[in-house]
């Protein structure tokens, strides 16, 4: 089963918890045992699995990414803006896909794990593509 999760992100950089939307897609698929593959078709966005229990986790992740890849004007690729160029690098560092196991019709995530959509150049209209595939064994 293939579906799209759409979201409108706020200005600047943010992490958005999309765990509920992904779980809903898994449940709608009817797959009881299998794999859930997530992909972001954007060059200034990414996906990660981390804690969403404490909102300061997201602040720390974004703060460290800004420290590692500050927005600056000396990027070689500046087709758009310096923030866009920094977003490309952050997306590459974090990654644009995640594969998760599905068991008993639910995502297998640890107790404090959530699926976080990483926006590095908002505001934007974004999509996350979801494919749920049954275990064929």
Protein backbone atom coordinates (compact mmCIF):
# COMPACT_ATOMS: atom_id res chain seq x y z
CA UNK A 1 0.00 0.00 0.00
CA UNK A 2 1.21 3.50 -0.89
CA UNK A 3 -0.04 6.70 0.73
CA UNK A 4 1.10 10.29 1.24
CA UNK A 5 1.17 12.26 4.45
CA UNK A 6 0.94 15.98 3.78
CA UNK A 7 1.92 18.72 6.17
CA UNK A 8 2.41 22.46 6.21
CA UNK A 9 5.54 23.40 8.10
CA UNK A 10 6.12 26.65 9.98
CA UNK A 11 8.85 29.17 9.11
CA UNK A 12 12.51 28.33 9.66
CA UNK A 13 13.60 24.93 11.00
CA UNK A 14 11.50 22.53 13.02
CA UNK A 15 10.96 18.88 13.84
CA UNK A 16 7.37 17.64 13.45
CA UNK A 17 6.20 14.44 15.13
CA UNK A 18 4.40 12.39 12.43
CA UNK A 19 4.18 9.10 14.34
CA UNK A 20 0.36 9.18 14.58
CA UNK A 21 -0.05 9.78 10.84
CA UNK A 22 2.37 6.96 9.98
CA UNK A 23 0.64 4.57 12.41
CA UNK A 24 -2.69 5.47 10.80
CA UNK A 25 -1.26 4.62 7.36
CA UNK A 26 0.02 1.29 8.68
CA UNK A 27 -3.37 0.44 10.19
CA UNK A 28 -5.19 1.48 6.98
CA UNK A 29 -2.93 -0.85 4.97
CA UNK A 30 -4.22 -3.91 6.80
CA UNK A 31 -0.67 -5.30 6.94
CA UNK A 32 -0.15 -7.24 10.16
CA UNK A 33 3.51 -8.26 9.71
CA UNK A 34 5.89 -6.47 7.39
CA UNK A 35 7.86 -3.32 6.68
CA UNK A 36 6.93 0.36 6.56
CA UNK A 37 9.14 2.43 4.28
CA UNK A 38 9.07 6.24 4.57
CA UNK A 39 10.57 8.64 2.05
CA UNK A 40 10.74 12.44 1.84
CA UNK A 41 10.84 13.78 -1.76
CA UNK A 42 12.39 17.11 -0.74
CA UNK A 43 16.00 18.33 -0.69
CA UNK A 44 15.69 20.49 2.43
CA UNK A 45 13.82 18.01 4.63
CA UNK A 46 14.65 14.71 6.31
CA UNK A 47 13.33 11.96 8.59
CA UNK A 48 14.67 10.64 11.86
CA UNK A 49 13.59 8.47 14.77
CA UNK A 50 14.17 10.02 18.16
CA UNK A 51 12.43 11.05 21.36
CA UNK A 52 9.51 13.47 21.21
CA UNK A 53 8.64 13.13 24.91
CA UNK A 54 10.68 16.18 25.88
CA UNK A 55 10.29 19.09 23.42
CA UNK A 56 13.81 20.18 24.29
CA UNK A 57 15.15 17.13 22.43
CA UNK A 58 14.08 18.74 19.15
CA UNK A 59 15.62 22.04 20.22
CA UNK A 60 18.92 20.32 20.98
CA UNK A 61 18.95 18.41 17.68
CA UNK A 62 18.26 21.57 15.68
CA UNK A 63 20.78 23.58 17.72
CA UNK A 64 23.53 21.05 17.06
CA UNK A 65 22.69 20.87 13.35
CA UNK A 66 22.89 24.69 13.16
CA UNK A 67 26.27 24.53 14.89
CA UNK A 68 27.53 21.89 12.47
CA UNK A 69 26.03 23.53 9.37
CA UNK A 70 25.49 27.25 9.96
CA UNK A 71 23.62 29.28 7.38
CA UNK A 72 26.26 31.29 5.58
CA UNK A 73 26.82 33.01 2.24
CA UNK A 74 29.99 31.20 1.14
CA UNK A 75 28.36 27.95 -0.01
CA UNK A 76 29.29 27.03 -3.56
CA UNK A 77 25.70 26.17 -4.46
CA UNK A 78 23.53 29.22 -3.89
CA UNK A 79 20.86 28.77 -6.56
CA UNK A 80 18.26 29.75 -3.99
CA UNK A 81 19.22 31.12 -0.55
CA UNK A 82 21.97 30.37 1.98
CA UNK A 83 19.32 28.74 4.21
CA UNK A 84 18.37 26.50 1.28
CA UNK A 85 21.99 25.46 0.77
CA UNK A 86 22.41 24.70 4.49
CA UNK A 87 19.15 22.71 4.35
CA UNK A 88 20.53 20.54 1.55
CA UNK A 89 23.52 19.59 3.69
CA UNK A 90 21.41 18.95 6.82
CA UNK A 91 19.05 16.74 4.80
CA UNK A 92 22.03 14.74 3.54
CA UNK A 93 23.39 14.31 7.07
CA UNK A 94 20.08 13.12 8.55
CA UNK A 95 18.69 11.21 5.55
CA UNK A 96 15.48 11.16 3.55
CA UNK A 97 14.22 7.67 4.30
CA UNK A 98 13.44 5.33 7.17
CA UNK A 99 12.48 1.66 7.21
CA UNK A 100 10.54 0.35 10.23
CA UNK A 101 9.19 -3.06 11.16
CA UNK A 102 5.46 -3.68 11.45
CA UNK A 103 4.19 -6.32 13.86
CA UNK A 104 0.62 -7.08 14.90
CA UNK A 105 -0.50 -4.20 12.66
CA UNK A 106 1.61 -1.61 14.47
CA UNK A 107 4.99 0.04 14.04
CA UNK A 108 7.69 -1.44 16.23
CA UNK A 109 9.11 1.59 18.01
CA UNK A 110 10.77 1.86 21.40
CA UNK A 111 8.83 3.39 24.26
CA UNK A 112 10.24 6.88 23.78
CA UNK A 113 10.80 6.73 20.01
CA UNK A 114 8.85 8.89 17.57
CA UNK A 115 9.10 9.56 13.85
CA UNK A 116 10.19 13.13 13.30
CA UNK A 117 9.91 15.08 10.06
CA UNK A 118 12.82 17.51 9.87
CA UNK A 119 12.10 20.83 8.14
CA UNK A 120 15.21 22.84 7.30
CA UNK A 121 13.78 25.60 5.09
CA UNK A 122 10.17 26.36 6.05
CA UNK A 123 7.49 27.34 5.66
CA UNK A 124 6.68 24.72 3.05
CA UNK A 125 3.98 22.34 1.92
CA UNK A 126 5.58 18.91 2.37
CA UNK A 127 4.88 15.25 1.75
CA UNK A 128 6.08 12.01 3.29
CA UNK A 129 5.56 8.97 1.10
CA UNK A 130 4.61 5.80 2.94
CA UNK A 131 4.76 2.27 1.56
CA UNK A 132 3.64 -0.62 3.79
CA UNK A 133 4.68 -4.05 2.53
CA UNK A 134 3.62 -7.40 3.97
CA UNK A 135 6.07 -10.04 5.09
CA UNK A 136 6.06 -12.67 2.36
CA UNK A 137 7.63 -15.50 4.33
